[in-house]
Amino acid sequence: MKLEELNKEYDKLQIKYGTKELNSIYNGGCTENPDICFVFMNPTAKIIASEKSWLGIKAPWIGIKNIWDLFYNLNLVDEKIYQEIKNKKRNEWTPLFAEKVYEDVKKHKYSLCPSLCVMEL
């Protein structure tokens, strides 16, 4: 299955199980042969990327701080990006900053995937 097809499945699951006022959250990070793929519950309602008004990437953990502590402690995010994440409030994340964060994720060769996709697929 290609990522574009998987994203359509995310959309179906969002309609079936999610809040209608929010958009699907897709995978993010390294999309070709990642060394690690993290699959865990994603608090969609708290992620700024799920809002209809968000024009950036629809990746997990955008606007959330605590999960990046884990990635930092595993040496999976650069110090500079980590400090920027820790200093930003949820509503201060911009599409450009989200791209910057996920470029760092790609550089570290891992992927983030919401668990909802795994439950049904």
PDB file of N, CA and C in Angstrom:
ATOM      1  N   MET A   1       0.842  -1.173   0.000  1.00  0.00           N
ATOM      2  CA  MET A   1       0.000   0.000   0.000  1.00  0.00           C
ATOM      3  C   MET A   1       0.892   1.242   0.000  1.00  0.00           C
ATOM      4  N   LYS A   2       0.590   2.199  -0.853  1.00  0.00           N
ATOM      5  CA  LYS A   2       1.331   3.444  -0.928  1.00  0.00           C
ATOM      6  C   LYS A   2       0.822   4.415   0.137  1.00  0.00           C
ATOM      7  N   LEU A   3       1.676   5.365   0.512  1.00  0.00           N
ATOM      8  CA  LEU A   3       1.303   6.316   1.552  1.00  0.00           C
ATOM      9  C   LEU A   3       0.037   7.096   1.204  1.00  0.00           C
ATOM     10  N   GLU A   4      -0.127   7.455  -0.068  1.00  0.00           N
ATOM     11  CA  GLU A   4      -1.326   8.199  -0.468  1.00  0.00           C
ATOM     12  C   GLU A   4      -2.580   7.367  -0.199  1.00  0.00           C
ATOM     13  N   GLU A   5      -2.496   6.081  -0.437  1.00  0.00           N
ATOM     14  CA  GLU A   5      -3.629   5.189  -0.172  1.00  0.00           C
ATOM     15  C   GLU A   5      -3.867   5.060   1.331  1.00  0.00           C
ATOM     16  N   LEU A   6      -2.792   4.993   2.086  1.00  0.00           N
ATOM     17  CA  LEU A   6      -2.902   4.898   3.537  1.00  0.00           C
ATOM     18  C   LEU A   6      -3.556   6.163   4.107  1.00  0.00           C
ATOM     19  N   ASN A   7      -3.205   7.322   3.549  1.00  0.00           N
ATOM     20  CA  ASN A   7      -3.809   8.568   4.009  1.00  0.00           C
ATOM     21  C   ASN A   7      -5.321   8.565   3.788  1.00  0.00           C
ATOM     22  N   LYS A   8      -5.773   7.980   2.697  1.00  0.00           N
ATOM     23  CA  LYS A   8      -7.219   7.861   2.460  1.00  0.00           C
ATOM     24  C   LYS A   8      -7.864   6.978   3.529  1.00  0.00           C
ATOM     25  N   GLU A   9      -7.144   5.954   3.955  1.00  0.00           N
ATOM     26  CA  GLU A   9      -7.656   5.088   5.026  1.00  0.00           C
ATOM     27  C   GLU A   9      -7.729   5.851   6.347  1.00  0.00           C
ATOM     28  N   TYR A  10      -6.717   6.679   6.622  1.00  0.00           N
ATOM     29  CA  TYR A  10      -6.764   7.526   7.819  1.00  0.00           C
ATOM     30  C   TYR A  10      -8.034   8.381   7.788  1.00  0.00           C
ATOM     31  N   ASP A  11      -8.315   8.967   6.610  1.00  0.00           N
ATOM     32  CA  ASP A  11      -9.496   9.824   6.484  1.00  0.00           C
ATOM     33  C   ASP A  11     -10.779   9.045   6.777  1.00  0.00           C
ATOM     34  N   LYS A  12     -10.870   7.832   6.280  1.00  0.00           N
ATOM     35  CA  LYS A  12     -12.051   7.001   6.541  1.00  0.00           C
ATOM     36  C   LYS A  12     -12.191   6.719   8.034  1.00  0.00           C
ATOM     37  N   LEU A  13     -11.075   6.415   8.684  1.00  0.00           N
ATOM     38  CA  LEU A  13     -11.106   6.124  10.113  1.00  0.00           C
ATOM     39  C   LEU A  13     -11.435   7.368  10.935  1.00  0.00           C
ATOM     40  N   GLN A  14     -10.955   8.519  10.480  1.00  0.00           N
ATOM     41  CA  GLN A  14     -11.293   9.767  11.174  1.00  0.00           C
ATOM     42  C   GLN A  14     -12.805  10.007  11.110  1.00  0.00           C
ATOM     43  N   ILE A  15     -13.391   9.766   9.946  1.00  0.00           N
ATOM     44  CA  ILE A  15     -14.842   9.929   9.797  1.00  0.00           C
ATOM     45  C   ILE A  15     -15.587   8.934  10.678  1.00  0.00           C
ATOM     46  N   LYS A  16     -15.101   7.705  10.707  1.00  0.00           N
ATOM     47  CA  LYS A  16     -15.781   6.656  11.460  1.00  0.00           C
ATOM     48  C   LYS A  16     -15.643   6.826  12.976  1.00  0.00           C
ATOM     49  N   TYR A  17     -14.434   7.141  13.455  1.00  0.00           N
ATOM     50  CA  TYR A  17     -14.158   7.157  14.891  1.00  0.00           C
ATOM     51  C   TYR A  17     -13.857   8.536  15.478  1.00  0.00           C
ATOM     52  N   GLY A  18     -13.449   9.463  14.641  1.00  0.00           N
ATOM     53  CA  GLY A  18     -12.954  10.741  15.153  1.00  0.00           C
ATOM     54  C   GLY A  18     -13.996  11.833  15.246  1.00  0.00           C
ATOM     55  N   THR A  19     -13.550  12.950  15.729  1.00  0.00           N
ATOM     56  CA  THR A  19     -14.379  14.143  15.817  1.00  0.00           C
ATOM     57  C   THR A  19     -14.501  14.749  14.432  1.00  0.00           C
ATOM     58  N   LYS A  20     -15.698  15.056  14.020  1.00  0.00           N
ATOM     59  CA  LYS A  20     -15.945  15.552  12.664  1.00  0.00           C
ATOM     60  C   LYS A  20     -15.320  16.926  12.415  1.00  0.00           C
ATOM     61  N   GLU A  21     -15.086  17.678  13.501  1.00  0.00           N
ATOM     62  CA  GLU A  21     -14.513  19.015  13.358  1.00  0.00           C
ATOM     63  C   GLU A  21     -12.997  18.995  13.152  1.00  0.00           C
ATOM     64  N   LEU A  22     -12.383  17.819  13.249  1.00  0.00           N
ATOM     65  CA  LEU A  22     -10.933  17.714  13.120  1.00  0.00           C
ATOM     66  C   LEU A  22     -10.552  16.933  11.874  1.00  0.00           C
ATOM     67  N   ASN A  23      -9.377  17.218  11.368  1.00  0.00           N
ATOM     68  CA  ASN A  23      -8.830  16.481  10.228  1.00  0.00           C
ATOM     69  C   ASN A  23      -8.031  15.277  10.704  1.00  0.00           C
ATOM     70  N   SER A  24      -7.789  14.369   9.787  1.00  0.00           N
ATOM     71  CA  SER A  24      -6.933  13.214  10.063  1.00  0.00           C
ATOM     72  C   SER A  24      -5.505  13.671  10.318  1.00  0.00           C
ATOM     73  N   ILE A  25      -4.800  12.873  11.078  1.00  0.00           N
ATOM     74  CA  ILE A  25      -3.366  13.058  11.261  1.00  0.00           C
ATOM     75  C   ILE A  25      -2.703  11.878  10.561  1.00  0.00           C
ATOM     76  N   TYR A  26      -1.762  12.182   9.683  1.00  0.00           N
ATOM     77  CA  TYR A  26      -1.085  11.137   8.920  1.00  0.00           C
ATOM     78  C   TYR A  26       0.252  10.800   9.570  1.00  0.00           C
ATOM     79  N   ASN A  27       1.027   9.990   8.907  1.00  0.00           N
ATOM     80  CA  ASN A  27       2.354   9.658   9.415  1.00  0.00           C
ATOM     81  C   ASN A  27       3.285  10.833   9.171  1.00  0.00           C
ATOM     82  N   GLY A  28       4.447  10.795   9.766  1.00  0.00           N
ATOM     83  CA  GLY A  28       5.420  11.851   9.557  1.00  0.00           C
ATOM     84  C   GLY A  28       6.822  11.360   9.809  1.00  0.00           C
ATOM     85  N   GLY A  29       7.750  11.994   9.145  1.00  0.00           N
ATOM     86  CA  GLY A  29       9.150  11.631   9.326  1.00  0.00           C
ATOM     87  C   GLY A  29       9.706  10.893   8.137  1.00  0.00           C
ATOM     88  N   CYS A  30      10.579   9.962   8.398  1.00  0.00           N
ATOM     89  CA  CYS A  30      11.239   9.184   7.356  1.00  0.00           C
ATOM     90  C   CYS A  30      10.226   8.211   6.746  1.00  0.00           C
ATOM     91  N   THR A  31       9.935   8.360   5.479  1.00  0.00           N
ATOM     92  CA  THR A  31       8.915   7.531   4.840  1.00  0.00           C
ATOM     93  C   THR A  31       9.487   6.380   4.021  1.00  0.00           C
ATOM     94  N   GLU A  32      10.785   6.374   3.827  1.00  0.00           N
ATOM     95  CA  GLU A  32      11.397   5.283   3.075  1.00  0.00           C
ATOM     96  C   GLU A  32      12.413   4.557   3.953  1.00  0.00           C
ATOM     97  N   ASN A  33      12.085   3.346   4.318  1.00  0.00           N
ATOM     98  CA  ASN A  33      12.966   2.492   5.103  1.00  0.00           C
ATOM     99  C   ASN A  33      13.472   3.143   6.392  1.00  0.00           C
ATOM    100  N   PRO A  34      12.561   3.590   7.256  1.00  0.00           N
ATOM    101  CA  PRO A  34      13.034   4.168   8.522  1.00  0.00           C
ATOM    102  C   PRO A  34      13.712   3.109   9.374  1.00  0.00           C
ATOM    103  N   ASP A  35      14.648   3.536  10.191  1.00  0.00           N
ATOM    104  CA  ASP A  35      15.286   2.621  11.131  1.00  0.00           C
ATOM    105  C   ASP A  35      14.308   2.230  12.240  1.00  0.00           C
ATOM    106  N   ILE A  36      13.436   3.176  12.612  1.00  0.00           N
ATOM    107  CA  ILE A  36      12.456   2.960  13.676  1.00  0.00           C
ATOM    108  C   ILE A  36      11.124   3.550  13.232  1.00  0.00           C
ATOM    109  N   CYS A  37      10.033   2.872  13.565  1.00  0.00           N
ATOM    110  CA  CYS A  37       8.702   3.433  13.352  1.00  0.00           C
ATOM    111  C   CYS A  37       7.964   3.380  14.685  1.00  0.00           C
ATOM    112  N   PHE A  38       7.652   4.550  15.213  1.00  0.00           N
ATOM    113  CA  PHE A  38       6.904   4.636  16.464  1.00  0.00           C
ATOM    114  C   PHE A  38       5.414   4.645  16.142  1.00  0.00           C
ATOM    115  N   VAL A  39       4.679   3.744  16.752  1.00  0.00           N
ATOM    116  CA  VAL A  39       3.231   3.676  16.590  1.00  0.00           C
ATOM    117  C   VAL A  39       2.629   3.719  17.982  1.00  0.00           C
ATOM    118  N   PHE A  40       1.976   4.826  18.277  1.00  0.00           N
ATOM    119  CA  PHE A  40       1.336   4.921  19.575  1.00  0.00           C
ATOM    120  C   PHE A  40       0.210   5.943  19.535  1.00  0.00           C
ATOM    121  N   MET A  41      -0.614   5.926  20.581  1.00  0.00           N
ATOM    122  CA  MET A  41      -1.793   6.769  20.619  1.00  0.00           C
ATOM    123  C   MET A  41      -1.397   8.227  20.456  1.00  0.00           C
ATOM    124  N   ASN A  42      -2.098   8.880  19.581  1.00  0.00           N
ATOM    125  CA  ASN A  42      -1.841  10.258  19.222  1.00  0.00           C
ATOM    126  C   ASN A  42      -3.028  11.097  19.699  1.00  0.00           C
ATOM    127  N   PRO A  43      -2.827  12.081  20.574  1.00  0.00           N
ATOM    128  CA  PRO A  43      -3.962  12.867  21.080  1.00  0.00           C
ATOM    129  C   PRO A  43      -4.448  13.874  20.042  1.00  0.00           C
ATOM    130  N   THR A  44      -5.146  13.388  19.035  1.00  0.00           N
ATOM    131  CA  THR A  44      -5.524  14.184  17.866  1.00  0.00           C
ATOM    132  C   THR A  44      -6.153  15.519  18.227  1.00  0.00           C
ATOM    133  N   ALA A  45      -7.048  15.548  19.178  1.00  0.00           N
ATOM    134  CA  ALA A  45      -7.745  16.793  19.522  1.00  0.00           C
ATOM    135  C   ALA A  45      -6.796  17.864  20.059  1.00  0.00           C
ATOM    136  N   LYS A  46      -5.657  17.465  20.598  1.00  0.00           N
ATOM    137  CA  LYS A  46      -4.700  18.433  21.151  1.00  0.00           C
ATOM    138  C   LYS A  46      -3.679  18.895  20.114  1.00  0.00           C
ATOM    139  N   ILE A  47      -3.637  18.254  18.990  1.00  0.00           N
ATOM    140  CA  ILE A  47      -2.625  18.554  17.978  1.00  0.00           C
ATOM    141  C   ILE A  47      -3.144  19.644  17.044  1.00  0.00           C
ATOM    142  N   ILE A  48      -2.393  20.706  16.946  1.00  0.00           N
ATOM    143  CA  ILE A  48      -2.818  21.836  16.128  1.00  0.00           C
ATOM    144  C   ILE A  48      -3.004  21.434  14.659  1.00  0.00           C
ATOM    145  N   ALA A  49      -2.271  20.439  14.213  1.00  0.00           N
ATOM    146  CA  ALA A  49      -2.355  19.997  12.823  1.00  0.00           C
ATOM    147  C   ALA A  49      -3.694  19.348  12.475  1.00  0.00           C
ATOM    148  N   SER A  50      -4.468  18.955  13.470  1.00  0.00           N
ATOM    149  CA  SER A  50      -5.768  18.342  13.189  1.00  0.00           C
ATOM    150  C   SER A  50      -6.862  19.383  12.961  1.00  0.00           C
ATOM    151  N   GLU A  51      -6.577  20.628  13.289  1.00  0.00           N
ATOM    152  CA  GLU A  51      -7.568  21.685  13.098  1.00  0.00           C
ATOM    153  C   GLU A  51      -7.784  21.955  11.610  1.00  0.00           C
ATOM    154  N   LYS A  52      -9.012  22.235  11.251  1.00  0.00           N
ATOM    155  CA  LYS A  52      -9.360  22.497   9.848  1.00  0.00           C
ATOM    156  C   LYS A  52      -8.588  23.691   9.298  1.00  0.00           C
ATOM    157  N   SER A  53      -8.253  24.655  10.148  1.00  0.00           N
ATOM    158  CA  SER A  53      -7.562  25.866   9.699  1.00  0.00           C
ATOM    159  C   SER A  53      -6.060  25.669   9.464  1.00  0.00           C
ATOM    160  N   TRP A  54      -5.503  24.551   9.946  1.00  0.00           N
ATOM    161  CA  TRP A  54      -4.063  24.281   9.811  1.00  0.00           C
ATOM    162  C   TRP A  54      -3.739  24.001   8.353  1.00  0.00           C
ATOM    163  N   LEU A  55      -2.750  24.712   7.803  1.00  0.00           N
ATOM    164  CA  LEU A  55      -2.373  24.561   6.406  1.00  0.00           C
ATOM    165  C   LEU A  55      -1.067  23.799   6.218  1.00  0.00           C
ATOM    166  N   GLY A  56      -0.469  23.353   7.306  1.00  0.00           N
ATOM    167  CA  GLY A  56       0.802  22.630   7.234  1.00  0.00           C
ATOM    168  C   GLY A  56       0.604  21.131   7.136  1.00  0.00           C
ATOM    169  N   ILE A  57       1.696  20.401   7.356  1.00  0.00           N
ATOM    170  CA  ILE A  57       1.650  18.942   7.284  1.00  0.00           C
ATOM    171  C   ILE A  57       0.742  18.387   8.377  1.00  0.00           C
ATOM    172  N   LYS A  58       0.123  17.265   8.109  1.00  0.00           N
ATOM    173  CA  LYS A  58      -0.793  16.613   9.051  1.00  0.00           C
ATOM    174  C   LYS A  58      -0.062  15.456   9.726  1.00  0.00           C
ATOM    175  N   ALA A  59       0.967  15.794  10.482  1.00  0.00           N
ATOM    176  CA  ALA A  59       1.809  14.789  11.122  1.00  0.00           C
ATOM    177  C   ALA A  59       1.531  14.734  12.621  1.00  0.00           C
ATOM    178  N   PRO A  60       1.842  13.612  13.256  1.00  0.00           N
ATOM    179  CA  PRO A  60       1.623  13.470  14.702  1.00  0.00           C
ATOM    180  C   PRO A  60       2.466  14.425  15.540  1.00  0.00           C
ATOM    181  N   TRP A  61       1.944  14.779  16.686  1.00  0.00           N
ATOM    182  CA  TRP A  61       2.636  15.477  17.762  1.00  0.00           C
ATOM    183  C   TRP A  61       2.997  16.925  17.456  1.00  0.00           C
ATOM    184  N   ILE A  62       2.357  17.539  16.480  1.00  0.00           N
ATOM    185  CA  ILE A  62       2.604  18.953  16.192  1.00  0.00           C
ATOM    186  C   ILE A  62       1.887  19.790  17.249  1.00  0.00           C
ATOM    187  N   GLY A  63       2.653  20.570  17.977  1.00  0.00           N
ATOM    188  CA  GLY A  63       2.109  21.410  19.034  1.00  0.00           C
ATOM    189  C   GLY A  63       2.138  20.774  20.409  1.00  0.00           C
ATOM    190  N   ILE A  64       2.606  19.551  20.506  1.00  0.00           N
ATOM    191  CA  ILE A  64       2.672  18.824  21.773  1.00  0.00           C
ATOM    192  C   ILE A  64       4.143  18.776  22.218  1.00  0.00           C
ATOM    193  N   LYS A  65       4.395  18.978  23.496  1.00  0.00           N
ATOM    194  CA  LYS A  65       5.782  19.016  23.976  1.00  0.00           C
ATOM    195  C   LYS A  65       6.289  17.696  24.542  1.00  0.00           C
ATOM    196  N   ASN A  66       5.472  17.003  25.328  1.00  0.00           N
ATOM    197  CA  ASN A  66       6.011  15.899  26.131  1.00  0.00           C
ATOM    198  C   ASN A  66       6.593  14.755  25.316  1.00  0.00           C
ATOM    199  N   ILE A  67       6.048  14.427  24.180  1.00  0.00           N
ATOM    200  CA  ILE A  67       6.578  13.294  23.406  1.00  0.00           C
ATOM    201  C   ILE A  67       7.986  13.581  22.877  1.00  0.00           C
ATOM    202  N   TRP A  68       8.255  14.876  22.622  1.00  0.00           N
ATOM    203  CA  TRP A  68       9.586  15.236  22.116  1.00  0.00           C
ATOM    204  C   TRP A  68      10.651  15.047  23.184  1.00  0.00           C
ATOM    205  N   ASP A  69      10.244  15.036  24.475  1.00  0.00           N
ATOM    206  CA  ASP A  69      11.192  14.702  25.549  1.00  0.00           C
ATOM    207  C   ASP A  69      11.733  13.287  25.341  1.00  0.00           C
ATOM    208  N   LEU A  70      10.844  12.366  25.013  1.00  0.00           N
ATOM    209  CA  LEU A  70      11.254  10.981  24.754  1.00  0.00           C
ATOM    210  C   LEU A  70      12.251  10.921  23.603  1.00  0.00           C
ATOM    211  N   PHE A  71      11.896  11.565  22.491  1.00  0.00           N
ATOM    212  CA  PHE A  71      12.787  11.519  21.319  1.00  0.00           C
ATOM    213  C   PHE A  71      14.135  12.179  21.618  1.00  0.00           C
ATOM    214  N   TYR A  72      14.119  13.244  22.381  1.00  0.00           N
ATOM    215  CA  TYR A  72      15.369  13.907  22.756  1.00  0.00           C
ATOM    216  C   TYR A  72      16.220  12.985  23.626  1.00  0.00           C
ATOM    217  N   ASN A  73      15.596  12.344  24.594  1.00  0.00           N
ATOM    218  CA  ASN A  73      16.333  11.445  25.488  1.00  0.00           C
ATOM    219  C   ASN A  73      16.870  10.216  24.763  1.00  0.00           C
ATOM    220  N   LEU A  74      16.284   9.883  23.633  1.00  0.00           N
ATOM    221  CA  LEU A  74      16.777   8.773  22.800  1.00  0.00           C
ATOM    222  C   LEU A  74      17.738   9.255  21.712  1.00  0.00           C
ATOM    223  N   ASN A  75      18.115  10.531  21.788  1.00  0.00           N
ATOM    224  CA  ASN A  75      18.993  11.148  20.775  1.00  0.00           C
ATOM    225  C   ASN A  75      18.387  11.097  19.374  1.00  0.00           C
ATOM    226  N   LEU A  76      17.083  11.309  19.308  1.00  0.00           N
ATOM    227  CA  LEU A  76      16.381  11.276  18.030  1.00  0.00           C
ATOM    228  C   LEU A  76      15.858  12.644  17.595  1.00  0.00           C
ATOM    229  N   VAL A  77      16.320  13.670  18.264  1.00  0.00           N
ATOM    230  CA  VAL A  77      16.008  15.038  17.845  1.00  0.00           C
ATOM    231  C   VAL A  77      17.183  15.916  18.266  1.00  0.00           C
ATOM    232  N   ASP A  78      17.562  16.813  17.375  1.00  0.00           N
ATOM    233  CA  ASP A  78      18.690  17.696  17.676  1.00  0.00           C
ATOM    234  C   ASP A  78      18.352  18.654  18.810  1.00  0.00           C
ATOM    235  N   GLU A  79      19.364  19.002  19.583  1.00  0.00           N
ATOM    236  CA  GLU A  79      19.218  19.905  20.736  1.00  0.00           C
ATOM    237  C   GLU A  79      18.533  21.212  20.353  1.00  0.00           C
ATOM    238  N   LYS A  80      18.949  21.817  19.252  1.00  0.00           N
ATOM    239  CA  LYS A  80      18.397  23.117  18.857  1.00  0.00           C
ATOM    240  C   LYS A  80      16.897  23.015  18.572  1.00  0.00           C
ATOM    241  N   ILE A  81      16.490  22.012  17.825  1.00  0.00           N
ATOM    242  CA  ILE A  81      15.066  21.812  17.505  1.00  0.00           C
ATOM    243  C   ILE A  81      14.298  21.507  18.789  1.00  0.00           C
ATOM    244  N   TYR A  82      14.868  20.663  19.621  1.00  0.00           N
ATOM    245  CA  TYR A  82      14.222  20.309  20.882  1.00  0.00           C
ATOM    246  C   TYR A  82      13.962  21.556  21.731  1.00  0.00           C
ATOM    247  N   GLN A  83      14.949  22.421  21.842  1.00  0.00           N
ATOM    248  CA  GLN A  83      14.778  23.640  22.643  1.00  0.00           C
ATOM    249  C   GLN A  83      13.712  24.548  22.041  1.00  0.00           C
ATOM    250  N   GLU A  84      13.662  24.617  20.715  1.00  0.00           N
ATOM    251  CA  GLU A  84      12.609  25.406  20.063  1.00  0.00           C
ATOM    252  C   GLU A  84      11.231  24.824  20.372  1.00  0.00           C
ATOM    253  N   ILE A  85      11.117  23.514  20.315  1.00  0.00           N
ATOM    254  CA  ILE A  85       9.845  22.847  20.637  1.00  0.00           C
ATOM    255  C   ILE A  85       9.437  23.182  22.068  1.00  0.00           C
ATOM    256  N   LYS A  86      10.376  23.051  22.998  1.00  0.00           N
ATOM    257  CA  LYS A  86      10.071  23.272  24.407  1.00  0.00           C
ATOM    258  C   LYS A  86       9.669  24.724  24.697  1.00  0.00           C
ATOM    259  N   ASN A  87      10.147  25.643  23.898  1.00  0.00           N
ATOM    260  CA  ASN A  87       9.859  27.062  24.126  1.00  0.00           C
ATOM    261  C   ASN A  87       8.605  27.562  23.411  1.00  0.00           C
ATOM    262  N   LYS A  88       8.023  26.736  22.556  1.00  0.00           N
ATOM    263  CA  LYS A  88       6.834  27.160  21.811  1.00  0.00           C
ATOM    264  C   LYS A  88       5.557  26.689  22.493  1.00  0.00           C
ATOM    265  N   LYS A  89       4.573  27.551  22.494  1.00  0.00           N
ATOM    266  CA  LYS A  89       3.235  27.162  22.920  1.00  0.00           C
ATOM    267  C   LYS A  89       2.557  26.500  21.731  1.00  0.00           C
ATOM    268  N   ARG A  90       1.522  25.754  21.993  1.00  0.00           N
ATOM    269  CA  ARG A  90       0.800  25.021  20.951  1.00  0.00           C
ATOM    270  C   ARG A  90       0.448  25.914  19.762  1.00  0.00           C
ATOM    271  N   ASN A  91      -0.099  27.081  20.038  1.00  0.00           N
ATOM    272  CA  ASN A  91      -0.551  27.962  18.964  1.00  0.00           C
ATOM    273  C   ASN A  91       0.582  28.723  18.286  1.00  0.00           C
ATOM    274  N   GLU A  92       1.819  28.548  18.756  1.00  0.00           N
ATOM    275  CA  GLU A  92       2.973  29.201  18.139  1.00  0.00           C
ATOM    276  C   GLU A  92       3.648  28.334  17.071  1.00  0.00           C
ATOM    277  N   TRP A  93       3.216  27.078  16.977  1.00  0.00           N
ATOM    278  CA  TRP A  93       3.746  26.237  15.907  1.00  0.00           C
ATOM    279  C   TRP A  93       3.199  26.768  14.581  1.00  0.00           C
ATOM    280  N   THR A  94       4.077  26.882  13.609  1.00  0.00           N
ATOM    281  CA  THR A  94       3.671  27.301  12.271  1.00  0.00           C
ATOM    282  C   THR A  94       3.913  26.137  11.312  1.00  0.00           C
ATOM    283  N   PRO A  95       3.291  26.167  10.146  1.00  0.00           N
ATOM    284  CA  PRO A  95       3.594  25.120   9.163  1.00  0.00           C
ATOM    285  C   PRO A  95       5.093  25.035   8.848  1.00  0.00           C
ATOM    286  N   LEU A  96       5.755  26.172   8.783  1.00  0.00           N
ATOM    287  CA  LEU A  96       7.193  26.176   8.498  1.00  0.00           C
ATOM    288  C   LEU A  96       7.980  25.520   9.625  1.00  0.00           C
ATOM    289  N   PHE A  97       7.613  25.808  10.870  1.00  0.00           N
ATOM    290  CA  PHE A  97       8.299  25.172  11.996  1.00  0.00           C
ATOM    291  C   PHE A  97       8.033  23.669  12.021  1.00  0.00           C
ATOM    292  N   ALA A  98       6.796  23.265  11.752  1.00  0.00           N
ATOM    293  CA  ALA A  98       6.475  21.828  11.708  1.00  0.00           C
ATOM    294  C   ALA A  98       7.323  21.119  10.656  1.00  0.00           C
ATOM    295  N   GLU A  99       7.495  21.741   9.496  1.00  0.00           N
ATOM    296  CA  GLU A  99       8.362  21.160   8.450  1.00  0.00           C
ATOM    297  C   GLU A  99       9.792  21.019   8.962  1.00  0.00           C
ATOM    298  N   LYS A 100      10.262  22.037   9.662  1.00  0.00           N
ATOM    299  CA  LYS A 100      11.622  22.009  10.222  1.00  0.00           C
ATOM    300  C   LYS A 100      11.782  20.846  11.206  1.00  0.00           C
ATOM    301  N   VAL A 101      10.801  20.664  12.067  1.00  0.00           N
ATOM    302  CA  VAL A 101      10.840  19.568  13.037  1.00  0.00           C
ATOM    303  C   VAL A 101      10.859  18.227  12.312  1.00  0.00           C
ATOM    304  N   TYR A 102       9.993  18.069  11.328  1.00  0.00           N
ATOM    305  CA  TYR A 102       9.919  16.781  10.643  1.00  0.00           C
ATOM    306  C   TYR A 102      11.087  16.528   9.701  1.00  0.00           C
ATOM    307  N   GLU A 103      11.784  17.566   9.278  1.00  0.00           N
ATOM    308  CA  GLU A 103      13.042  17.359   8.555  1.00  0.00           C
ATOM    309  C   GLU A 103      14.071  16.753   9.504  1.00  0.00           C
ATOM    310  N   ASP A 104      14.045  17.209  10.766  1.00  0.00           N
ATOM    311  CA  ASP A 104      14.938  16.634  11.772  1.00  0.00           C
ATOM    312  C   ASP A 104      14.574  15.175  12.039  1.00  0.00           C
ATOM    313  N   VAL A 105      13.283  14.867  12.086  1.00  0.00           N
ATOM    314  CA  VAL A 105      12.837  13.474  12.270  1.00  0.00           C
ATOM    315  C   VAL A 105      13.356  12.616  11.107  1.00  0.00           C
ATOM    316  N   LYS A 106      13.202  13.098   9.887  1.00  0.00           N
ATOM    317  CA  LYS A 106      13.698  12.360   8.714  1.00  0.00           C
ATOM    318  C   LYS A 106      15.202  12.131   8.817  1.00  0.00           C
ATOM    319  N   LYS A 107      15.927  13.176   9.220  1.00  0.00           N
ATOM    320  CA  LYS A 107      17.384  13.081   9.349  1.00  0.00           C
ATOM    321  C   LYS A 107      17.785  11.968  10.313  1.00  0.00           C
ATOM    322  N   HIS A 108      16.986  11.773  11.346  1.00  0.00           N
ATOM    323  CA  HIS A 108      17.263  10.741  12.336  1.00  0.00           C
ATOM    324  C   HIS A 108      16.679   9.373  11.949  1.00  0.00           C
ATOM    325  N   LYS A 109      16.093   9.294  10.774  1.00  0.00           N
ATOM    326  CA  LYS A 109      15.636   8.028  10.170  1.00  0.00           C
ATOM    327  C   LYS A 109      14.563   7.287  10.963  1.00  0.00           C
ATOM    328  N   TYR A 110      13.571   8.042  11.466  1.00  0.00           N
ATOM    329  CA  TYR A 110      12.443   7.370  12.094  1.00  0.00           C
ATOM    330  C   TYR A 110      11.147   7.962  11.581  1.00  0.00           C
ATOM    331  N   SER A 111      10.092   7.255  11.854  1.00  0.00           N
ATOM    332  CA  SER A 111       8.772   7.651  11.410  1.00  0.00           C
ATOM    333  C   SER A 111       7.808   7.617  12.585  1.00  0.00           C
ATOM    334  N   LEU A 112       6.812   8.480  12.535  1.00  0.00           N
ATOM    335  CA  LEU A 112       5.774   8.500  13.553  1.00  0.00           C
ATOM    336  C   LEU A 112       4.452   8.174  12.882  1.00  0.00           C
ATOM    337  N   CYS A 113       3.696   7.299  13.494  1.00  0.00           N
ATOM    338  CA  CYS A 113       2.453   6.851  12.905  1.00  0.00           C
ATOM    339  C   CYS A 113       1.375   6.777  13.989  1.00  0.00           C
ATOM    340  N   PRO A 114       0.214   7.391  13.753  1.00  0.00           N
ATOM    341  CA  PRO A 114      -0.856   7.261  14.743  1.00  0.00           C
ATOM    342  C   PRO A 114      -1.365   5.837  14.834  1.00  0.00           C
ATOM    343  N   SER A 115      -1.753   5.404  16.000  1.00  0.00           N
ATOM    344  CA  SER A 115      -2.151   4.003  16.204  1.00  0.00           C
ATOM    345  C   SER A 115      -3.470   3.653  15.561  1.00  0.00           C
ATOM    346  N   LEU A 116      -4.312   4.622  15.302  1.00  0.00           N
ATOM    347  CA  LEU A 116      -5.618   4.346  14.725  1.00  0.00           C
ATOM    348  C   LEU A 116      -5.492   3.576  13.411  1.00  0.00           C
ATOM    349  N   CYS A 117      -4.459   3.877  12.634  1.00  0.00           N
ATOM    350  CA  CYS A 117      -4.293   3.189  11.357  1.00  0.00           C
ATOM    351  C   CYS A 117      -4.004   1.705  11.556  1.00  0.00           C
ATOM    352  N   VAL A 118      -3.303   1.389  12.607  1.00  0.00           N
ATOM    353  CA  VAL A 118      -2.920  -0.008  12.847  1.00  0.00           C
ATOM    354  C   VAL A 118      -4.102  -0.823  13.377  1.00  0.00           C
ATOM    355  N   MET A 119      -5.018  -0.178  14.073  1.00  0.00           N
ATOM    356  CA  MET A 119      -6.137  -0.890  14.666  1.00  0.00           C
ATOM    357  C   MET A 119      -6.992  -1.594  13.622  1.00  0.00           C
ATOM    358  N   GLU A 120      -7.213  -0.969  12.481  1.00  0.00           N
ATOM    359  CA  GLU A 120      -8.110  -1.553  11.494  1.00  0.00           C
ATOM    360  C   GLU A 120      -7.382  -2.144  10.303  1.00  0.00           C
ATOM    361  N   LEU A 121      -6.187  -1.668   9.990  1.00  0.00           N
ATOM    362  CA  LEU A 121      -5.497  -2.142   8.790  1.00  0.00           C
ATOM    363  C   LEU A 121      -4.732  -3.368   9.058  1.00  0.00           C
TER     364      LEU A 121
END
